[in-house]
Amino acid sequence: MGKLVVSLDNVVIKEFQITKERTTLGRRPYNDIVIDNLAVSGEHAVLTAAQSDVFIEDLNSTNGTYINGKAVKKQLLSNNDVVEVGKYRIKFLAEDAEDYEKTMILRPGAFGRAPGTIGAPPAATPPAAGPASIKVLNGGAAGREVLLTKVVTTVGKPGVQVASVTKRPGGYVLSHVEGSRRPSVNGQAVGEESISLKHGDIIDLAGTQMQFVQN
């Protein structure tokens, strides 16, 4: 899922591996990541992991939570994002698309064997996700097409409803990021888990309908 590198004045003071679904950050000793500083609230922020995606949410902290210098309430973390809490900088390190693909092709039976060992089972490579885009079907932006060239692409209106489309080795998935209403795919509401997308799927995001197109 990735790890967090906590630093102060450009000096790394701790590293934390994200291993569970919910990880809390704050000044109180019961948090998973404890930062004992008055600029940090007792319960400052929480990180939520959904498959390979990690979201951070500010828990109404006194001094706020910033990502790359911008105040956020809840946001999907991307590789190398820097979370700022008081004077502390917390760098999020995730496997990039290439490393993630390498991880996915490893089989349990291959562990513990030296490279090239006779009898090592061949690793099956999942099909690579081809070029894809999202086409807006209604509203003022009807006909507009957004190419999914990045590993993570966010769509929607901040503060109203936002979703993310993540490119993975085997395809694309849609996740809910923020908003009281959840997006839907072919009429099915997106829950806490991401939904896999296939060519022709209809996404509804706050009344705006979009079609997922994959070549």
C-alpha atoms as a PDB file:
ATOM      1  CA  MET A   1       0.000   0.000   0.000  1.00  0.00           C
ATOM      2  CA  GLY A   2       2.988   2.272   0.383  1.00  0.00           C
ATOM      3  CA  LYS A   3       4.757   4.009   3.238  1.00  0.00           C
ATOM      4  CA  LEU A   4       5.060   7.393   4.916  1.00  0.00           C
ATOM      5  CA  VAL A   5       8.372   9.136   5.594  1.00  0.00           C
ATOM      6  CA  VAL A   6       8.097  11.745   8.370  1.00  0.00           C
ATOM      7  CA  SER A   7      10.690  14.534   8.421  1.00  0.00           C
ATOM      8  CA  LEU A   8      11.330  17.761  10.322  1.00  0.00           C
ATOM      9  CA  ASP A   9      13.660  20.445   8.944  1.00  0.00           C
ATOM     10  CA  ASN A  10      14.640  18.028   6.133  1.00  0.00           C
ATOM     11  CA  VAL A  11      15.734  15.379   8.654  1.00  0.00           C
ATOM     12  CA  VAL A  12      13.888  12.038   8.480  1.00  0.00           C
ATOM     13  CA  ILE A  13      12.688  11.107  11.953  1.00  0.00           C
ATOM     14  CA  LYS A  14      10.540   8.042  11.246  1.00  0.00           C
ATOM     15  CA  GLU A  15       9.138   5.808   8.540  1.00  0.00           C
ATOM     16  CA  PHE A  16       5.751   4.110   8.715  1.00  0.00           C
ATOM     17  CA  GLN A  17       4.544   1.266   6.510  1.00  0.00           C
ATOM     18  CA  ILE A  18       0.829   1.387   5.689  1.00  0.00           C
ATOM     19  CA  THR A  19      -0.448  -2.114   6.385  1.00  0.00           C
ATOM     20  CA  LYS A  20      -4.073  -1.725   7.450  1.00  0.00           C
ATOM     21  CA  GLU A  21      -7.288  -0.157   6.185  1.00  0.00           C
ATOM     22  CA  ARG A  22      -7.391   2.736   8.689  1.00  0.00           C
ATOM     23  CA  THR A  23      -4.329   4.571  10.047  1.00  0.00           C
ATOM     24  CA  THR A  24      -4.705   7.529  12.424  1.00  0.00           C
ATOM     25  CA  LEU A  25      -2.278  10.430  12.818  1.00  0.00           C
ATOM     26  CA  GLY A  26      -2.133  12.899  15.700  1.00  0.00           C
ATOM     27  CA  ARG A  27      -0.561  14.061  18.951  1.00  0.00           C
ATOM     28  CA  ARG A  28      -2.357  11.630  21.286  1.00  0.00           C
ATOM     29  CA  PRO A  29      -0.429   8.447  22.139  1.00  0.00           C
ATOM     30  CA  TYR A  30      -3.191   6.109  20.925  1.00  0.00           C
ATOM     31  CA  ASN A  31      -2.723   7.188  17.282  1.00  0.00           C
ATOM     32  CA  ASP A  32      -0.939   4.845  14.869  1.00  0.00           C
ATOM     33  CA  ILE A  33       1.414   7.684  13.906  1.00  0.00           C
ATOM     34  CA  VAL A  34       2.167   9.884  16.913  1.00  0.00           C
ATOM     35  CA  ILE A  35       3.635  13.355  16.340  1.00  0.00           C
ATOM     36  CA  ASP A  36       4.159  14.974  19.742  1.00  0.00           C
ATOM     37  CA  ASN A  37       3.938  18.640  18.784  1.00  0.00           C
ATOM     38  CA  LEU A  38       1.473  21.344  19.815  1.00  0.00           C
ATOM     39  CA  ALA A  39       0.880  22.286  16.162  1.00  0.00           C
ATOM     40  CA  VAL A  40      -0.594  18.807  15.652  1.00  0.00           C
ATOM     41  CA  SER A  41      -4.120  18.117  16.934  1.00  0.00           C
ATOM     42  CA  GLY A  42      -4.842  15.176  19.224  1.00  0.00           C
ATOM     43  CA  GLU A  43      -6.643  13.437  16.362  1.00  0.00           C
ATOM     44  CA  HIS A  44      -5.342  15.286  13.311  1.00  0.00           C
ATOM     45  CA  ALA A  45      -5.959  13.122  10.245  1.00  0.00           C
ATOM     46  CA  VAL A  46      -6.781   9.599   9.142  1.00  0.00           C
ATOM     47  CA  LEU A  47      -5.476   7.582   6.196  1.00  0.00           C
ATOM     48  CA  THR A  48      -7.837   5.081   4.614  1.00  0.00           C
ATOM     49  CA  ALA A  49      -6.570   2.343   2.314  1.00  0.00           C
ATOM     50  CA  ALA A  50      -8.850   0.829  -0.331  1.00  0.00           C
ATOM     51  CA  GLN A  51      -6.964  -1.817  -2.284  1.00  0.00           C
ATOM     52  CA  SER A  52      -3.935   0.057  -3.666  1.00  0.00           C
ATOM     53  CA  ASP A  53      -5.455   3.529  -3.151  1.00  0.00           C
ATOM     54  CA  VAL A  54      -4.698   5.571  -0.018  1.00  0.00           C
ATOM     55  CA  PHE A  55      -6.828   8.564   0.972  1.00  0.00           C
ATOM     56  CA  ILE A  56      -6.045  11.123   3.681  1.00  0.00           C
ATOM     57  CA  GLU A  57      -8.789  13.031   5.513  1.00  0.00           C
ATOM     58  CA  ASP A  58      -8.372  15.946   7.888  1.00  0.00           C
ATOM     59  CA  LEU A  59     -10.304  15.414  11.144  1.00  0.00           C
ATOM     60  CA  ASN A  60     -11.228  19.074  11.649  1.00  0.00           C
ATOM     61  CA  SER A  61      -7.740  19.761  13.002  1.00  0.00           C
ATOM     62  CA  THR A  62      -6.839  23.170  14.429  1.00  0.00           C
ATOM     63  CA  ASN A  63      -4.065  23.961  11.942  1.00  0.00           C
ATOM     64  CA  GLY A  64      -5.300  21.940   8.977  1.00  0.00           C
ATOM     65  CA  THR A  65      -3.743  19.324   6.715  1.00  0.00           C
ATOM     66  CA  TYR A  66      -1.911  20.350   3.553  1.00  0.00           C
ATOM     67  CA  ILE A  67      -0.819  18.355   0.508  1.00  0.00           C
ATOM     68  CA  ASN A  68       1.908  19.911  -1.621  1.00  0.00           C
ATOM     69  CA  GLY A  69       1.130  23.287  -0.020  1.00  0.00           C
ATOM     70  CA  LYS A  70      -2.646  23.154  -0.560  1.00  0.00           C
ATOM     71  CA  ALA A  71      -5.169  22.755   2.274  1.00  0.00           C
ATOM     72  CA  VAL A  72      -7.313  19.628   1.862  1.00  0.00           C
ATOM     73  CA  LYS A  73     -10.248  18.001   3.578  1.00  0.00           C
ATOM     74  CA  LYS A  74      -9.995  14.621   1.889  1.00  0.00           C
ATOM     75  CA  GLN A  75      -7.807  13.603  -1.016  1.00  0.00           C
ATOM     76  CA  LEU A  76      -6.383  10.585  -2.786  1.00  0.00           C
ATOM     77  CA  LEU A  77      -2.623  10.402  -2.280  1.00  0.00           C
ATOM     78  CA  SER A  78      -0.318  10.029  -5.269  1.00  0.00           C
ATOM     79  CA  ASN A  79       3.281   8.846  -5.220  1.00  0.00           C
ATOM     80  CA  ASN A  80       5.662  11.500  -3.800  1.00  0.00           C
ATOM     81  CA  ASP A  81       2.843  13.669  -2.412  1.00  0.00           C
ATOM     82  CA  VAL A  82       4.036  15.650   0.613  1.00  0.00           C
ATOM     83  CA  VAL A  83       1.556  15.976   3.497  1.00  0.00           C
ATOM     84  CA  GLU A  84       2.273  18.942   5.765  1.00  0.00           C
ATOM     85  CA  VAL A  85       1.122  18.812   9.380  1.00  0.00           C
ATOM     86  CA  GLY A  86       2.431  21.777  11.368  1.00  0.00           C
ATOM     87  CA  LYS A  87       6.162  21.935  10.668  1.00  0.00           C
ATOM     88  CA  TYR A  88       6.310  18.245   9.845  1.00  0.00           C
ATOM     89  CA  ARG A  89       6.486  16.947   6.274  1.00  0.00           C
ATOM     90  CA  ILE A  90       5.179  13.460   5.559  1.00  0.00           C
ATOM     91  CA  LYS A  91       6.104  12.060   2.160  1.00  0.00           C
ATOM     92  CA  PHE A  92       3.882   9.353   0.701  1.00  0.00           C
ATOM     93  CA  LEU A  93       5.782   6.722  -1.274  1.00  0.00           C
ATOM     94  CA  ALA A  94       3.755   4.307  -3.373  1.00  0.00           C
ATOM     95  CA  GLU A  95       4.821   1.856  -6.011  1.00  0.00           C
ATOM     96  CA  ASP A  96       4.494   3.482  -9.405  1.00  0.00           C
ATOM     97  CA  ALA A  97       2.642   1.779 -12.224  1.00  0.00           C
ATOM     98  CA  GLU A  98       5.706  -0.106 -13.429  1.00  0.00           C
ATOM     99  CA  ASP A  99       6.691  -1.373  -9.987  1.00  0.00           C
ATOM    100  CA  TYR A 100       3.088  -2.266  -9.246  1.00  0.00           C
ATOM    101  CA  GLU A 101       2.944  -4.363 -12.395  1.00  0.00           C
ATOM    102  CA  LYS A 102       6.124  -6.181 -11.384  1.00  0.00           C
ATOM    103  CA  THR A 103       4.606  -6.927  -7.999  1.00  0.00           C
ATOM    104  CA  MET A 104       1.421  -8.249  -9.530  1.00  0.00           C
ATOM    105  CA  ILE A 105       3.194 -10.868 -11.643  1.00  0.00           C
ATOM    106  CA  LEU A 106       4.906 -12.552  -8.701  1.00  0.00           C
ATOM    107  CA  ARG A 107       3.408 -15.843  -7.600  1.00  0.00           C
ATOM    108  CA  PRO A 108       3.606 -17.208  -4.039  1.00  0.00           C
ATOM    109  CA  GLY A 109       5.411 -20.298  -5.294  1.00  0.00           C
ATOM    110  CA  ALA A 110       8.214 -18.164  -6.704  1.00  0.00           C
ATOM    111  CA  PHE A 111       9.269 -16.717  -3.368  1.00  0.00           C
ATOM    112  CA  GLY A 112      12.317 -18.209  -1.703  1.00  0.00           C
ATOM    113  CA  ARG A 113      13.895 -19.384  -4.957  1.00  0.00           C
ATOM    114  CA  ALA A 114      16.949 -17.873  -6.516  1.00  0.00           C
ATOM    115  CA  PRO A 115      16.480 -16.237  -9.923  1.00  0.00           C
ATOM    116  CA  GLY A 116      16.880 -18.779 -12.685  1.00  0.00           C
ATOM    117  CA  THR A 117      16.373 -21.771 -10.381  1.00  0.00           C
ATOM    118  CA  ILE A 118      15.198 -24.792 -12.355  1.00  0.00           C
ATOM    119  CA  GLY A 119      11.626 -25.634 -11.560  1.00  0.00           C
ATOM    120  CA  ALA A 120      10.627 -22.105 -10.588  1.00  0.00           C
ATOM    121  CA  PRO A 121       7.062 -21.619 -11.858  1.00  0.00           C
ATOM    122  CA  PRO A 122       6.710 -19.101 -14.675  1.00  0.00           C
ATOM    123  CA  ALA A 123       5.061 -15.854 -13.689  1.00  0.00           C
ATOM    124  CA  ALA A 124       2.015 -14.917 -15.714  1.00  0.00           C
ATOM    125  CA  THR A 125       1.941 -11.290 -16.803  1.00  0.00           C
ATOM    126  CA  PRO A 126      -1.528  -9.714 -16.611  1.00  0.00           C
ATOM    127  CA  PRO A 127      -2.758  -7.994 -19.750  1.00  0.00           C
ATOM    128  CA  ALA A 128      -1.648  -4.369 -19.842  1.00  0.00           C
ATOM    129  CA  ALA A 129      -4.324  -1.719 -19.655  1.00  0.00           C
ATOM    130  CA  GLY A 130      -4.700  -0.083 -23.053  1.00  0.00           C
ATOM    131  CA  PRO A 131      -5.367   3.601 -23.822  1.00  0.00           C
ATOM    132  CA  ALA A 132      -8.640   4.860 -22.389  1.00  0.00           C
ATOM    133  CA  SER A 133     -10.703   8.008 -21.976  1.00  0.00           C
ATOM    134  CA  ILE A 134     -13.881   9.343 -20.405  1.00  0.00           C
ATOM    135  CA  LYS A 135     -16.443  11.031 -22.656  1.00  0.00           C
ATOM    136  CA  VAL A 136     -19.005  13.465 -21.213  1.00  0.00           C
ATOM    137  CA  LEU A 137     -22.494  12.646 -22.486  1.00  0.00           C
ATOM    138  CA  ASN A 138     -24.674  15.483 -21.137  1.00  0.00           C
ATOM    139  CA  GLY A 139     -24.601  19.014 -19.736  1.00  0.00           C
ATOM    140  CA  GLY A 140     -22.573  21.979 -20.919  1.00  0.00           C
ATOM    141  CA  ALA A 141     -19.455  19.871 -21.412  1.00  0.00           C
ATOM    142  CA  ALA A 142     -21.209  17.228 -23.541  1.00  0.00           C
ATOM    143  CA  GLY A 143     -18.865  15.763 -26.128  1.00  0.00           C
ATOM    144  CA  ARG A 144     -15.722  16.595 -24.171  1.00  0.00           C
ATOM    145  CA  GLU A 145     -13.291  13.698 -23.868  1.00  0.00           C
ATOM    146  CA  VAL A 146     -10.717  13.337 -21.085  1.00  0.00           C
ATOM    147  CA  LEU A 147      -7.752  11.115 -21.910  1.00  0.00           C
ATOM    148  CA  LEU A 148      -6.646   8.912 -19.015  1.00  0.00           C
ATOM    149  CA  THR A 149      -2.911   9.384 -19.469  1.00  0.00           C
ATOM    150  CA  LYS A 150      -1.946   9.549 -15.777  1.00  0.00           C
ATOM    151  CA  VAL A 151      -1.917   6.737 -13.228  1.00  0.00           C
ATOM    152  CA  VAL A 152      -4.657   8.573 -11.294  1.00  0.00           C
ATOM    153  CA  THR A 153      -7.150  10.999 -12.898  1.00  0.00           C
ATOM    154  CA  THR A 154      -9.732  12.826 -10.771  1.00  0.00           C
ATOM    155  CA  VAL A 155     -13.087  13.889 -12.216  1.00  0.00           C
ATOM    156  CA  GLY A 156     -15.964  15.912 -10.800  1.00  0.00           C
ATOM    157  CA  LYS A 157     -16.467  19.159  -8.897  1.00  0.00           C
ATOM    158  CA  PRO A 158     -14.397  19.697  -5.706  1.00  0.00           C
ATOM    159  CA  GLY A 159     -16.691  20.182  -2.723  1.00  0.00           C
ATOM    160  CA  VAL A 160     -19.627  18.603  -4.569  1.00  0.00           C
ATOM    161  CA  GLN A 161     -18.618  15.179  -5.811  1.00  0.00           C
ATOM    162  CA  VAL A 162     -15.228  13.861  -6.892  1.00  0.00           C
ATOM    163  CA  ALA A 163     -14.175  10.426  -8.123  1.00  0.00           C
ATOM    164  CA  SER A 164     -10.853   9.030  -9.262  1.00  0.00           C
ATOM    165  CA  VAL A 165      -9.995   6.696 -12.122  1.00  0.00           C
ATOM    166  CA  THR A 166      -6.849   4.685 -11.435  1.00  0.00           C
ATOM    167  CA  LYS A 167      -4.882   2.855 -14.120  1.00  0.00           C
ATOM    168  CA  ARG A 168      -3.763  -0.575 -12.982  1.00  0.00           C
ATOM    169  CA  PRO A 169      -1.875  -3.325 -14.823  1.00  0.00           C
ATOM    170  CA  GLY A 170      -5.069  -5.250 -15.529  1.00  0.00           C
ATOM    171  CA  GLY A 171      -7.377  -2.326 -16.258  1.00  0.00           C
ATOM    172  CA  TYR A 172      -9.000   0.791 -14.789  1.00  0.00           C
ATOM    173  CA  VAL A 173     -10.966   1.224 -11.557  1.00  0.00           C
ATOM    174  CA  LEU A 174     -13.245   4.004 -10.279  1.00  0.00           C
ATOM    175  CA  SER A 175     -13.183   5.141  -6.627  1.00  0.00           C
ATOM    176  CA  HIS A 176     -15.265   7.615  -4.624  1.00  0.00           C
ATOM    177  CA  VAL A 177     -13.143  10.506  -3.264  1.00  0.00           C
ATOM    178  CA  GLU A 178     -15.511  13.094  -1.791  1.00  0.00           C
ATOM    179  CA  GLY A 179     -19.133  14.223  -1.751  1.00  0.00           C
ATOM    180  CA  SER A 180     -22.280  13.163   0.113  1.00  0.00           C
ATOM    181  CA  ARG A 181     -23.591  11.440  -3.000  1.00  0.00           C
ATOM    182  CA  ARG A 182     -21.606   8.581  -4.434  1.00  0.00           C
ATOM    183  CA  PRO A 183     -20.923   8.087  -8.136  1.00  0.00           C
ATOM    184  CA  SER A 184     -22.479   5.113  -9.889  1.00  0.00           C
ATOM    185  CA  VAL A 185     -21.378   2.795 -12.688  1.00  0.00           C
ATOM    186  CA  ASN A 186     -24.231   1.417 -14.811  1.00  0.00           C
ATOM    187  CA  GLY A 187     -26.612   2.354 -11.992  1.00  0.00           C
ATOM    188  CA  GLN A 188     -24.555   0.648  -9.267  1.00  0.00           C
ATOM    189  CA  ALA A 189     -23.377   3.012  -6.522  1.00  0.00           C
ATOM    190  CA  VAL A 190     -19.641   2.950  -5.789  1.00  0.00           C
ATOM    191  CA  GLY A 191     -19.037   1.875  -2.178  1.00  0.00           C
ATOM    192  CA  GLU A 192     -15.834   1.814  -0.153  1.00  0.00           C
ATOM    193  CA  GLU A 193     -14.255  -0.569  -2.652  1.00  0.00           C
ATOM    194  CA  SER A 194     -13.220   0.493  -6.151  1.00  0.00           C
ATOM    195  CA  ILE A 195     -15.236  -0.699  -9.161  1.00  0.00           C
ATOM    196  CA  SER A 196     -13.526  -2.103 -12.246  1.00  0.00           C
ATOM    197  CA  LEU A 197     -14.363  -0.307 -15.475  1.00  0.00           C
ATOM    198  CA  LYS A 198     -14.947  -1.882 -18.872  1.00  0.00           C
ATOM    199  CA  HIS A 199     -15.486  -0.357 -22.302  1.00  0.00           C
ATOM    200  CA  GLY A 200     -18.895   1.282 -22.624  1.00  0.00           C
ATOM    201  CA  ASP A 201     -19.616   1.647 -18.884  1.00  0.00           C
ATOM    202  CA  ILE A 202     -21.792   4.647 -17.987  1.00  0.00           C
ATOM    203  CA  ILE A 203     -20.594   6.696 -15.008  1.00  0.00           C
ATOM    204  CA  ASP A 204     -22.976   9.075 -13.230  1.00  0.00           C
ATOM    205  CA  LEU A 205     -21.223  11.795 -11.226  1.00  0.00           C
ATOM    206  CA  ALA A 206     -23.530  14.362  -9.563  1.00  0.00           C
ATOM    207  CA  GLY A 207     -25.949  14.159 -12.490  1.00  0.00           C
ATOM    208  CA  THR A 208     -23.263  14.303 -15.164  1.00  0.00           C
ATOM    209  CA  GLN A 209     -23.153  11.159 -17.261  1.00  0.00           C
ATOM    210  CA  MET A 210     -19.873   9.967 -18.741  1.00  0.00           C
ATOM    211  CA  GLN A 211     -18.888   6.938 -20.772  1.00  0.00           C
ATOM    212  CA  PHE A 212     -15.709   4.979 -20.202  1.00  0.00           C
ATOM    213  CA  VAL A 213     -14.032   4.244 -23.544  1.00  0.00           C
ATOM    214  CA  GLN A 214     -11.116   1.833 -23.873  1.00  0.00           C
ATOM    215  CA  ASN A 215      -9.410   0.924 -27.149  1.00  0.00           C
END
